[in-house]
C-alpha atoms as a PDB file:
ATOM      1  CA  MET A   1      23.916  -5.085   6.349  1.00  0.00           C
ATOM      2  CA  LYS A   2      27.271  -6.035   7.807  1.00  0.00           C
ATOM      3  CA  ILE A   3      28.605  -3.856  10.567  1.00  0.00           C
ATOM      4  CA  ILE A   4      31.885  -2.137   9.677  1.00  0.00           C
ATOM      5  CA  TYR A   5      34.707  -1.931  12.147  1.00  0.00           C
ATOM      6  CA  SER A   6      34.471   1.813  12.685  1.00  0.00           C
ATOM      7  CA  SER A   7      30.879   1.551  13.922  1.00  0.00           C
ATOM      8  CA  ILE A   8      31.487  -1.005  16.647  1.00  0.00           C
ATOM      9  CA  PHE A   9      31.318   1.529  19.466  1.00  0.00           C
ATOM     10  CA  LEU A  10      28.052   2.880  18.073  1.00  0.00           C
ATOM     11  CA  LEU A  11      26.509  -0.550  18.424  1.00  0.00           C
ATOM     12  CA  LEU A  12      27.894  -1.727  21.768  1.00  0.00           C
ATOM     13  CA  THR A  13      26.211  -0.634  24.986  1.00  0.00           C
ATOM     14  CA  LEU A  14      28.720  -1.318  27.738  1.00  0.00           C
ATOM     15  CA  TYR A  15      27.597  -1.903  31.294  1.00  0.00           C
ATOM     16  CA  CYS A  16      30.260  -1.484  33.964  1.00  0.00           C
ATOM     17  CA  CYS A  17      29.482  -1.788  37.666  1.00  0.00           C
ATOM     18  CA  GLY A  18      32.712  -0.234  38.907  1.00  0.00           C
ATOM     19  CA  GLN A  19      34.273  -3.535  39.966  1.00  0.00           C
ATOM     20  CA  GLN A  20      37.643  -4.799  38.802  1.00  0.00           C
ATOM     21  CA  PRO A  21      37.055  -6.894  35.656  1.00  0.00           C
ATOM     22  CA  LYS A  22      38.051 -10.524  35.602  1.00  0.00           C
ATOM     23  CA  ASN A  23      39.756 -11.741  32.458  1.00  0.00           C
ATOM     24  CA  VAL A  24      38.438 -15.312  32.307  1.00  0.00           C
ATOM     25  CA  GLU A  25      37.109 -17.411  29.445  1.00  0.00           C
ATOM     26  CA  ILE A  26      33.350 -16.918  29.113  1.00  0.00           C
ATOM     27  CA  PRO A  27      31.326 -19.853  27.744  1.00  0.00           C
ATOM     28  CA  LEU A  28      28.664 -19.473  25.066  1.00  0.00           C
ATOM     29  CA  PHE A  29      26.714 -22.511  26.290  1.00  0.00           C
ATOM     30  CA  ASN A  30      25.161 -21.122  29.449  1.00  0.00           C
ATOM     31  CA  SER A  31      21.538 -21.800  30.385  1.00  0.00           C
ATOM     32  CA  ALA A  32      21.398 -18.302  31.907  1.00  0.00           C
ATOM     33  CA  ASN A  33      22.066 -16.680  28.485  1.00  0.00           C
ATOM     34  CA  LEU A  34      19.233 -15.099  26.507  1.00  0.00           C
ATOM     35  CA  TRP A  35      19.655 -13.693  22.990  1.00  0.00           C
ATOM     36  CA  SER A  36      17.269 -11.425  21.085  1.00  0.00           C
ATOM     37  CA  VAL A  37      17.930 -11.548  17.324  1.00  0.00           C
ATOM     38  CA  LEU A  38      16.338  -9.083  14.908  1.00  0.00           C
ATOM     39  CA  ASP A  39      15.299 -10.031  11.366  1.00  0.00           C
ATOM     40  CA  HIS A  40      14.714  -7.166   8.929  1.00  0.00           C
ATOM     41  CA  PHE A  41      12.781  -8.960   6.203  1.00  0.00           C
ATOM     42  CA  THR A  42      11.918  -7.484   2.796  1.00  0.00           C
ATOM     43  CA  ASP A  43      10.191  -9.211  -0.093  1.00  0.00           C
ATOM     44  CA  ASP A  44      10.041  -7.454  -3.465  1.00  0.00           C
ATOM     45  CA  SER A  45       7.504  -9.979  -4.775  1.00  0.00           C
ATOM     46  CA  ARG A  46       4.856  -8.843  -2.254  1.00  0.00           C
ATOM     47  CA  ILE A  47       4.050  -5.220  -3.053  1.00  0.00           C
ATOM     48  CA  THR A  48       2.173  -2.957  -0.652  1.00  0.00           C
ATOM     49  CA  PRO A  49       0.924   0.591  -1.367  1.00  0.00           C
ATOM     50  CA  GLU A  50       3.994   1.868   0.487  1.00  0.00           C
ATOM     51  CA  GLY A  51       6.491  -0.267  -1.408  1.00  0.00           C
ATOM     52  CA  SER A  52       8.021  -3.669  -0.761  1.00  0.00           C
ATOM     53  CA  TYR A  53       6.587  -5.888   1.944  1.00  0.00           C
ATOM     54  CA  SER A  54       8.794  -5.305   4.951  1.00  0.00           C
ATOM     55  CA  SER A  55       8.906  -6.239   8.606  1.00  0.00           C
ATOM     56  CA  LEU A  56      11.088  -6.015  11.686  1.00  0.00           C
ATOM     57  CA  LYS A  57      10.703  -9.098  13.845  1.00  0.00           C
ATOM     58  CA  SER A  58      12.786 -10.261  16.789  1.00  0.00           C
ATOM     59  CA  SER A  59      13.044 -13.725  18.300  1.00  0.00           C
ATOM     60  CA  TRP A  60      14.427 -14.969  21.615  1.00  0.00           C
ATOM     61  CA  TYR A  61      16.951 -17.802  21.876  1.00  0.00           C
ATOM     62  CA  LYS A  62      18.261 -19.766  24.846  1.00  0.00           C
ATOM     63  CA  ILE A  63      20.240 -22.926  25.553  1.00  0.00           C
ATOM     64  CA  GLY A  64      18.132 -25.934  26.552  1.00  0.00           C
ATOM     65  CA  ASN A  65      18.827 -29.486  27.653  1.00  0.00           C
ATOM     66  CA  ASP A  66      21.420 -31.946  26.394  1.00  0.00           C
ATOM     67  CA  SER A  67      20.614 -34.316  23.554  1.00  0.00           C
ATOM     68  CA  THR A  68      22.472 -37.208  21.938  1.00  0.00           C
ATOM     69  CA  ILE A  69      22.136 -37.538  18.165  1.00  0.00           C
ATOM     70  CA  ASN A  70      24.017 -40.274  16.312  1.00  0.00           C
ATOM     71  CA  ASN A  71      26.108 -40.820  19.437  1.00  0.00           C
ATOM     72  CA  VAL A  72      27.163 -37.151  19.483  1.00  0.00           C
ATOM     73  CA  ASN A  73      26.289 -34.864  22.394  1.00  0.00           C
ATOM     74  CA  TYR A  74      24.531 -31.573  21.579  1.00  0.00           C
ATOM     75  CA  LYS A  75      22.857 -28.693  23.354  1.00  0.00           C
ATOM     76  CA  ILE A  76      19.261 -28.029  22.287  1.00  0.00           C
ATOM     77  CA  LEU A  77      18.697 -24.449  21.084  1.00  0.00           C
ATOM     78  CA  LEU A  78      15.241 -23.082  21.934  1.00  0.00           C
ATOM     79  CA  LYS A  79      13.422 -20.208  20.226  1.00  0.00           C
ATOM     80  CA  SER A  80      10.480 -18.015  21.229  1.00  0.00           C
ATOM     81  CA  THR A  81       8.701 -15.439  19.097  1.00  0.00           C
ATOM     82  CA  ASN A  82       6.366 -13.881  21.666  1.00  0.00           C
ATOM     83  CA  GLN A  83       7.217 -10.831  23.716  1.00  0.00           C
ATOM     84  CA  THR A  84       7.150 -12.512  27.119  1.00  0.00           C
ATOM     85  CA  HIS A  85       9.009 -15.578  25.734  1.00  0.00           C
ATOM     86  CA  GLU A  86       6.843 -17.926  27.776  1.00  0.00           C
ATOM     87  CA  THR A  87       6.574 -20.616  25.096  1.00  0.00           C
ATOM     88  CA  TRP A  88       9.591 -22.192  23.401  1.00  0.00           C
ATOM     89  CA  SER A  89      10.183 -24.451  20.428  1.00  0.00           C
ATOM     90  CA  VAL A  90      13.253 -26.376  19.315  1.00  0.00           C
ATOM     91  CA  SER A  91      15.297 -24.355  16.811  1.00  0.00           C
ATOM     92  CA  GLY A  92      18.286 -26.620  16.339  1.00  0.00           C
ATOM     93  CA  CYS A  93      21.250 -28.208  18.074  1.00  0.00           C
ATOM     94  CA  LEU A  94      24.659 -26.799  18.957  1.00  0.00           C
ATOM     95  CA  ARG A  95      27.898 -28.560  19.804  1.00  0.00           C
ATOM     96  CA  GLN A  96      31.171 -27.260  21.193  1.00  0.00           C
ATOM     97  CA  ASP A  97      34.508 -28.886  20.429  1.00  0.00           C
ATOM     98  CA  GLU A  98      37.121 -27.008  22.441  1.00  0.00           C
ATOM     99  CA  LYS A  99      36.652 -23.414  21.140  1.00  0.00           C
ATOM    100  CA  ARG A 100      34.715 -24.338  18.011  1.00  0.00           C
ATOM    101  CA  ILE A 101      30.924 -24.044  17.888  1.00  0.00           C
ATOM    102  CA  TYR A 102      28.939 -26.189  15.445  1.00  0.00           C
ATOM    103  CA  PHE A 103      25.277 -25.982  14.398  1.00  0.00           C
ATOM    104  CA  LEU A 104      23.509 -29.176  13.329  1.00  0.00           C
ATOM    105  CA  ASP A 105      21.667 -28.441  10.069  1.00  0.00           C
ATOM    106  CA  ASN A 106      19.654 -31.572   9.259  1.00  0.00           C
ATOM    107  CA  ASP A 107      22.374 -34.227   9.007  1.00  0.00           C
ATOM    108  CA  ARG A 108      25.404 -31.972   8.555  1.00  0.00           C
ATOM    109  CA  GLU A 109      27.352 -29.839  10.976  1.00  0.00           C
ATOM    110  CA  ILE A 110      28.093 -26.215  10.139  1.00  0.00           C
ATOM    111  CA  LEU A 111      31.034 -24.479  11.784  1.00  0.00           C
ATOM    112  CA  LEU A 112      29.712 -21.202  13.177  1.00  0.00           C
ATOM    113  CA  TYR A 113      32.601 -19.991  15.319  1.00  0.00           C
ATOM    114  CA  ASP A 114      36.204 -20.740  16.164  1.00  0.00           C
ATOM    115  CA  PHE A 115      37.163 -18.649  19.183  1.00  0.00           C
ATOM    116  CA  GLY A 116      40.590 -20.247  19.141  1.00  0.00           C
ATOM    117  CA  LEU A 117      41.698 -18.376  16.023  1.00  0.00           C
ATOM    118  CA  GLN A 118      44.832 -16.281  16.252  1.00  0.00           C
ATOM    119  CA  VAL A 119      45.256 -13.033  14.311  1.00  0.00           C
ATOM    120  CA  GLY A 120      45.897 -13.936  10.679  1.00  0.00           C
ATOM    121  CA  ASP A 121      44.260 -17.373  11.016  1.00  0.00           C
ATOM    122  CA  SER A 122      41.260 -18.381   8.894  1.00  0.00           C
ATOM    123  CA  MET A 123      38.450 -20.885   9.180  1.00  0.00           C
ATOM    124  CA  GLN A 124      36.302 -22.292   6.393  1.00  0.00           C
ATOM    125  CA  SER A 125      32.628 -23.116   6.662  1.00  0.00           C
ATOM    126  CA  ALA A 126      29.878 -24.027   4.197  1.00  0.00           C
ATOM    127  CA  ILE A 127      27.331 -21.673   5.721  1.00  0.00           C
ATOM    128  CA  HIS A 128      25.827 -20.013   2.646  1.00  0.00           C
ATOM    129  CA  SER A 129      23.703 -22.358   0.553  1.00  0.00           C
ATOM    130  CA  GLY A 130      26.516 -24.892   0.428  1.00  0.00           C
ATOM    131  CA  PHE A 131      29.163 -22.369  -0.621  1.00  0.00           C
ATOM    132  CA  ASN A 132      32.385 -22.336   1.363  1.00  0.00           C
ATOM    133  CA  TYR A 133      33.024 -19.094   3.218  1.00  0.00           C
ATOM    134  CA  ILE A 134      36.395 -18.032   4.593  1.00  0.00           C
ATOM    135  CA  SER A 135      36.526 -16.118   7.881  1.00  0.00           C
ATOM    136  CA  ARG A 136      39.886 -14.459   8.551  1.00  0.00           C
ATOM    137  CA  LEU A 137      40.657 -12.987  11.961  1.00  0.00           C
ATOM    138  CA  ASP A 138      42.078  -9.471  11.570  1.00  0.00           C
ATOM    139  CA  SER A 139      42.344  -8.310  15.178  1.00  0.00           C
ATOM    140  CA  VAL A 140      41.183  -8.941  18.747  1.00  0.00           C
ATOM    141  CA  ARG A 141      40.390  -6.368  21.420  1.00  0.00           C
ATOM    142  CA  ASP A 142      39.135  -6.515  24.993  1.00  0.00           C
ATOM    143  CA  THR A 143      36.021  -4.759  26.207  1.00  0.00           C
ATOM    144  CA  THR A 144      34.366  -4.680  29.628  1.00  0.00           C
ATOM    145  CA  LEU A 145      30.733  -5.778  29.754  1.00  0.00           C
ATOM    146  CA  ASN A 146      29.077  -5.941  33.158  1.00  0.00           C
ATOM    147  CA  SER A 147      32.415  -6.123  35.000  1.00  0.00           C
ATOM    148  CA  SER A 148      33.812  -8.974  32.928  1.00  0.00           C
ATOM    149  CA  VAL A 149      36.400  -8.685  30.176  1.00  0.00           C
ATOM    150  CA  ARG A 150      35.249 -10.171  26.869  1.00  0.00           C
ATOM    151  CA  LYS A 151      37.234 -10.425  23.685  1.00  0.00           C
ATOM    152  CA  ILE A 152      35.912  -8.792  20.511  1.00  0.00           C
ATOM    153  CA  TYR A 153      36.936 -10.559  17.314  1.00  0.00           C
ATOM    154  CA  TYR A 154      37.103  -8.506  14.103  1.00  0.00           C
ATOM    155  CA  LEU A 155      37.010 -10.668  10.980  1.00  0.00           C
ATOM    156  CA  THR A 156      36.929 -10.320   7.221  1.00  0.00           C
ATOM    157  CA  GLU A 157      34.739 -12.856   5.392  1.00  0.00           C
ATOM    158  CA  PHE A 158      34.468 -13.757   1.726  1.00  0.00           C
ATOM    159  CA  PRO A 159      33.302 -16.702  -0.404  1.00  0.00           C
ATOM    160  CA  ALA A 160      36.116 -19.063  -1.321  1.00  0.00           C
ATOM    161  CA  ILE A 161      35.211 -18.679  -5.002  1.00  0.00           C
ATOM    162  CA  ASP A 162      35.486 -14.867  -4.928  1.00  0.00           C
ATOM    163  CA  PRO A 163      37.886 -13.330  -2.376  1.00  0.00           C
ATOM    164  CA  ASN A 164      36.946  -9.854  -3.642  1.00  0.00           C
ATOM    165  CA  MET A 165      33.433 -10.101  -2.129  1.00  0.00           C
ATOM    166  CA  LYS A 166      34.606  -9.066   1.332  1.00  0.00           C
ATOM    167  CA  VAL A 167      32.391  -8.186   4.278  1.00  0.00           C
ATOM    168  CA  GLN A 168      33.170  -7.496   7.926  1.00  0.00           C
ATOM    169  CA  GLU A 169      32.058  -9.701  10.808  1.00  0.00           C
ATOM    170  CA  ILE A 170      32.249  -9.111  14.568  1.00  0.00           C
ATOM    171  CA  TRP A 171      32.054 -11.710  17.338  1.00  0.00           C
ATOM    172  CA  ILE A 172      32.011 -11.203  21.094  1.00  0.00           C
ATOM    173  CA  GLU A 173      33.277 -13.898  23.426  1.00  0.00           C
ATOM    174  CA  GLY A 174      30.420 -15.711  25.178  1.00  0.00           C
ATOM    175  CA  ILE A 175      27.830 -13.915  23.006  1.00  0.00           C
ATOM    176  CA  GLY A 176      28.539 -14.714  19.363  1.00  0.00           C
ATOM    177  CA  SER A 177      28.015 -12.602  16.258  1.00  0.00           C
ATOM    178  CA  ILE A 178      26.540  -9.124  16.614  1.00  0.00           C
ATOM    179  CA  SER A 179      26.537  -8.735  12.824  1.00  0.00           C
ATOM    180  CA  ASP A 180      24.403 -11.770  11.952  1.00  0.00           C
ATOM    181  CA  GLY A 181      22.785 -12.943  15.170  1.00  0.00           C
ATOM    182  CA  LEU A 182      23.638 -15.950  17.294  1.00  0.00           C
ATOM    183  CA  LEU A 183      23.346 -18.499  14.457  1.00  0.00           C
ATOM    184  CA  ARG A 184      24.851 -16.180  11.847  1.00  0.00           C
ATOM    185  CA  GLN A 185      21.452 -16.365  10.163  1.00  0.00           C
ATOM    186  CA  SER A 186      22.228 -13.958   7.322  1.00  0.00           C
ATOM    187  CA  MET A 187      24.810 -16.460   6.103  1.00  0.00           C
ATOM    188  CA  LEU A 188      22.694 -19.561   6.692  1.00  0.00           C
ATOM    189  CA  GLY A 189      19.602 -18.423   4.791  1.00  0.00           C
ATOM    190  CA  PHE A 190      19.123 -17.771   1.088  1.00  0.00           C
ATOM    191  CA  THR A 191      15.899 -17.203  -0.839  1.00  0.00           C
ATOM    192  CA  ALA A 192      15.537 -15.951  -4.390  1.00  0.00           C
ATOM    193  CA  ASP A 193      12.962 -13.220  -3.755  1.00  0.00           C
ATOM    194  CA  ALA A 194      13.470 -12.153  -0.158  1.00  0.00           C
ATOM    195  CA  PHE A 195      16.149 -10.384   1.822  1.00  0.00           C
ATOM    196  CA  HIS A 196      16.847 -11.211   5.468  1.00  0.00           C
ATOM    197  CA  ASP A 197      19.166  -8.886   7.357  1.00  0.00           C
ATOM    198  CA  TYR A 198      19.854 -10.269  10.841  1.00  0.00           C
ATOM    199  CA  GLN A 199      21.635  -8.684  13.767  1.00  0.00           C
ATOM    200  CA  LEU A 200      21.940  -9.171  17.500  1.00  0.00           C
ATOM    201  CA  LEU A 201      19.443  -6.919  19.239  1.00  0.00           C
ATOM    202  CA  CYS A 202      20.063  -7.747  22.931  1.00  0.00           C
ATOM    203  CA  PHE A 203      21.928 -10.221  25.090  1.00  0.00           C
ATOM    204  CA  HIS A 204      21.048 -11.008  28.711  1.00  0.00           C
ATOM    205  CA  GLU A 205      22.971 -13.072  31.225  1.00  0.00           C
ATOM    206  CA  ASN A 206      21.252 -14.065  34.485  1.00  0.00           C
ATOM    207  CA  GLU A 207      18.444 -11.634  33.555  1.00  0.00           C
ATOM    208  CA  THR A 208      20.958  -8.770  33.369  1.00  0.00           C
ATOM    209  CA  LEU A 209      21.214  -6.801  30.122  1.00  0.00           C
ATOM    210  CA  ILE A 210      24.796  -7.127  28.897  1.00  0.00           C
ATOM    211  CA  PHE A 211      24.503  -5.881  25.312  1.00  0.00           C
ATOM    212  CA  GLN A 212      21.940  -3.841  23.370  1.00  0.00           C
ATOM    213  CA  SER A 213      22.157  -2.414  19.879  1.00  0.00           C
ATOM    214  CA  ARG A 214      22.035   1.356  20.085  1.00  0.00           C
ATOM    215  CA  LYS A 215      19.863   1.450  16.983  1.00  0.00           C
ATOM    216  CA  TYR A 216      16.847   0.311  19.014  1.00  0.00           C
ATOM    217  CA  THR A 217      15.336   1.050  22.423  1.00  0.00           C
ATOM    218  CA  SER A 218      13.581  -2.290  22.903  1.00  0.00           C
ATOM    219  CA  CYS A 219      14.715  -5.918  23.028  1.00  0.00           C
ATOM    220  CA  TYR A 220      11.475  -7.073  21.360  1.00  0.00           C
ATOM    221  CA  ILE A 221      10.265  -5.695  18.017  1.00  0.00           C
ATOM    222  CA  ASP A 222       7.347  -6.833  15.870  1.00  0.00           C
ATOM    223  CA  LEU A 223       6.550  -4.343  13.117  1.00  0.00           C
ATOM    224  CA  VAL A 224       5.066  -5.266   9.730  1.00  0.00           C
ATOM    225  CA  ASP A 225       5.578  -2.940   6.763  1.00  0.00           C
ATOM    226  CA  ALA A 226       7.688  -0.878   9.127  1.00  0.00           C
ATOM    227  CA  ILE A 227      10.337   0.242   6.660  1.00  0.00           C
ATOM    228  CA  PRO A 228       9.330   0.494   2.985  1.00  0.00           C
ATOM    229  CA  THR A 229      12.507  -0.109   0.997  1.00  0.00           C
ATOM    230  CA  HIS A 230      11.685   1.649  -2.229  1.00  0.00           C
ATOM    231  CA  THR A 231       8.558   2.482  -4.178  1.00  0.00           C
ATOM    232  CA  MET A 232       8.414   0.414  -7.297  1.00  0.00           C
ATOM    233  CA  GLY A 233       4.956   1.038  -8.747  1.00  0.00           C
ATOM    234  CA  PRO A 234       4.036  -1.575 -11.329  1.00  0.00           C
ATOM    235  CA  LEU A 235       7.588  -2.511 -12.360  1.00  0.00           C
ATOM    236  CA  SER A 236       7.882  -6.306 -12.157  1.00  0.00           C
ATOM    237  CA  LEU A 237      10.881  -8.591 -12.606  1.00  0.00           C
ATOM    238  CA  GLN A 238      11.082 -12.385 -12.683  1.00  0.00           C
ATOM    239  CA  ALA A 239      14.202 -14.485 -13.297  1.00  0.00           C
ATOM    240  CA  TYR A 240      14.538 -18.205 -13.903  1.00  0.00           C
ATOM    241  CA  PRO A 241      16.011 -20.658 -13.365  1.00  0.00           C
ATOM    242  CA  ASN A 242      17.298 -19.654  -9.964  1.00  0.00           C
ATOM    243  CA  PRO A 243      19.844 -21.009  -9.053  1.00  0.00           C
ATOM    244  CA  ALA A 244      21.248 -20.625 -12.573  1.00  0.00           C
ATOM    245  CA  SER A 245      24.266 -21.625 -14.600  1.00  0.00           C
ATOM    246  CA  GLY A 246      25.377 -20.211 -17.954  1.00  0.00           C
ATOM    247  CA  LYS A 247      22.372 -17.986 -18.544  1.00  0.00           C
ATOM    248  CA  ILE A 248      19.044 -16.921 -17.101  1.00  0.00           C
ATOM    249  CA  MET A 249      15.779 -15.757 -18.591  1.00  0.00           C
ATOM    250  CA  ILE A 250      14.371 -12.569 -17.149  1.00  0.00           C
ATOM    251  CA  GLU A 251      10.760 -11.563 -17.599  1.00  0.00           C
ATOM    252  CA  ILE A 252       9.544  -7.971 -17.264  1.00  0.00           C
ATOM    253  CA  ASN A 253       5.771  -8.145 -17.034  1.00  0.00           C
ATOM    254  CA  SER A 254       4.770  -4.524 -16.682  1.00  0.00           C
ATOM    255  CA  GLY A 255       5.982  -1.027 -16.016  1.00  0.00           C
ATOM    256  CA  GLU A 256       7.632   1.799 -17.927  1.00  0.00           C
ATOM    257  CA  VAL A 257      10.943   0.516 -19.264  1.00  0.00           C
ATOM    258  CA  SER A 258      12.379   3.517 -21.065  1.00  0.00           C
ATOM    259  CA  ASP A 259      15.955   4.135 -19.906  1.00  0.00           C
ATOM    260  CA  CYS A 260      15.797   0.782 -18.136  1.00  0.00           C
ATOM    261  CA  TYR A 261      18.848  -1.245 -17.143  1.00  0.00           C
ATOM    262  CA  LEU A 262      19.358  -4.637 -15.564  1.00  0.00           C
ATOM    263  CA  HIS A 263      22.374  -4.769 -13.249  1.00  0.00           C
ATOM    264  CA  ILE A 264      23.962  -7.868 -11.740  1.00  0.00           C
ATOM    265  CA  LEU A 265      25.575  -6.859  -8.456  1.00  0.00           C
ATOM    266  CA  THR A 266      27.716  -8.673  -5.945  1.00  0.00           C
ATOM    267  CA  MET A 267      26.361  -8.832  -2.397  1.00  0.00           C
ATOM    268  CA  SER A 268      28.725  -5.961  -1.555  1.00  0.00           C
ATOM    269  CA  GLY A 269      27.180  -3.795  -4.305  1.00  0.00           C
ATOM    270  CA  LYS A 270      29.789  -4.090  -7.073  1.00  0.00           C
ATOM    271  CA  THR A 271      28.313  -4.184 -10.604  1.00  0.00           C
ATOM    272  CA  VAL A 272      29.560  -7.161 -12.615  1.00  0.00           C
ATOM    273  CA  ARG A 273      27.224  -6.882 -15.621  1.00  0.00           C
ATOM    274  CA  THR A 274      24.744  -4.368 -17.059  1.00  0.00           C
ATOM    275  CA  VAL A 275      22.128  -5.015 -19.748  1.00  0.00           C
ATOM    276  CA  LYS A 276      20.041  -2.323 -21.471  1.00  0.00           C
ATOM    277  CA  ILE A 277      16.304  -3.151 -21.543  1.00  0.00           C
ATOM    278  CA  SER A 278      14.153  -1.552 -24.240  1.00  0.00           C
ATOM    279  CA  GLN A 279      10.721  -3.128 -23.745  1.00  0.00           C
ATOM    280  CA  THR A 280       8.699  -5.489 -21.606  1.00  0.00           C
ATOM    281  CA  GLY A 281       8.888  -9.219 -22.273  1.00  0.00           C
ATOM    282  CA  ARG A 282      11.470 -11.970 -21.924  1.00  0.00           C
ATOM    283  CA  TYR A 283      15.221 -11.561 -22.282  1.00  0.00           C
ATOM    284  CA  PRO A 284      18.040 -14.111 -22.053  1.00  0.00           C
ATOM    285  CA  VAL A 285      20.961 -12.853 -19.969  1.00  0.00           C
ATOM    286  CA  ASP A 286      24.415 -14.353 -20.392  1.00  0.00           C
ATOM    287  CA  LEU A 287      26.134 -15.256 -17.117  1.00  0.00           C
ATOM    288  CA  SER A 288      29.391 -16.483 -18.625  1.00  0.00           C
ATOM    289  CA  GLY A 289      32.480 -15.129 -16.928  1.00  0.00           C
ATOM    290  CA  ILE A 290      30.652 -14.379 -13.665  1.00  0.00           C
ATOM    291  CA  PRO A 291      32.025 -16.489 -10.776  1.00  0.00           C
ATOM    292  CA  SER A 292      29.694 -18.764  -8.839  1.00  0.00           C
ATOM    293  CA  GLY A 293      28.096 -17.161  -5.816  1.00  0.00           C
ATOM    294  CA  ALA A 294      25.223 -15.037  -4.537  1.00  0.00           C
ATOM    295  CA  TYR A 295      24.270 -11.891  -6.471  1.00  0.00           C
ATOM    296  CA  ILE A 296      21.541  -9.275  -6.721  1.00  0.00           C
ATOM    297  CA  LEU A 297      19.553  -8.689  -9.909  1.00  0.00           C
ATOM    298  CA  GLN A 298      18.514  -5.046  -9.967  1.00  0.00           C
ATOM    299  CA  LEU A 299      16.132  -3.594 -12.570  1.00  0.00           C
ATOM    300  CA  SER A 300      16.169   0.199 -12.592  1.00  0.00           C
ATOM    301  CA  THR A 301      14.459   3.044 -14.436  1.00  0.00           C
ATOM    302  CA  LYS A 302      14.657   6.756 -13.661  1.00  0.00           C
ATOM    303  CA  LYS A 303      11.716   6.434 -11.254  1.00  0.00           C
ATOM    304  CA  GLN A 304      11.557   2.817 -10.128  1.00  0.00           C
ATOM    305  CA  THR A 305      13.789   0.021  -8.906  1.00  0.00           C
ATOM    306  CA  THR A 306      13.117  -3.621  -8.127  1.00  0.00           C
ATOM    307  CA  SER A 307      15.506  -6.418  -7.257  1.00  0.00           C
ATOM    308  CA  ARG A 308      15.854 -10.157  -6.787  1.00  0.00           C
ATOM    309  CA  LYS A 309      18.511 -12.400  -5.361  1.00  0.00           C
ATOM    310  CA  LEU A 310      20.307 -14.681  -7.821  1.00  0.00           C
ATOM    311  CA  LEU A 311      22.424 -17.722  -7.078  1.00  0.00           C
ATOM    312  CA  ILE A 312      24.932 -18.640  -9.809  1.00  0.00           C
ATOM    313  CA  LEU A 313      26.200 -22.201  -9.706  1.00  0.00           C
END
């Protein structure tokens, strides 16, 4: 879930050593930096006795050596999934061009950050399944973390095809996104049946803890079936094709469907279409008039709810 502006001070743990802060530009590409990124994963297609399959899993990231790819210089990004982060694997490549940070995704570069934005400026990046997202800088504030002044960037983001689907995003200079993790993973990933909710858990610099989410007391979390989302019983929903264009076919295989409704929701929770379901089986659902983008299919009865992600082309 995106972090709203009013909750920023609930999420930031500020460490001040009593020294006079120095207002200097702080680089993101520092080999002494260590990020812990939390993934809250839920999958409605894998049912447990407690509800949806769910896990909380954190991973460590750090900046590695230089690499040249197609005559372009990159920094290797390394990832570790064990608690002591003793073993590392390559997780991608990053490049900085002045104040812009790019992530190399196969053969294309994705613009992750532009720390040179001025208030009112926007940047555009195809970071959600090929869809262009607009990031507009609303305001900038200073905060003191471990005796250094870092800028906090407050942004509003929305898909270019639907400016009404607004969410909030927060970056910290030299750290990156606290809403979506270092690589803005919530925006990069999309699967039809699973939900990934990423956030920055901890950030260390020179082995000193600079930032920690106040929601958690540890910088490493590995819990499976930790947070059941909702109990669904036997209610089952399938939708195809996905991605879709024009219409989809939904299939309800089992479950009590009296007073049952299928809702198509935007990622921010706004209902754009509702269909009454009277019995199990297959139903065509018209998608005409719904803008392209990412949506949630939600099937609800009085006692049960199940959902799927839907990508409309």
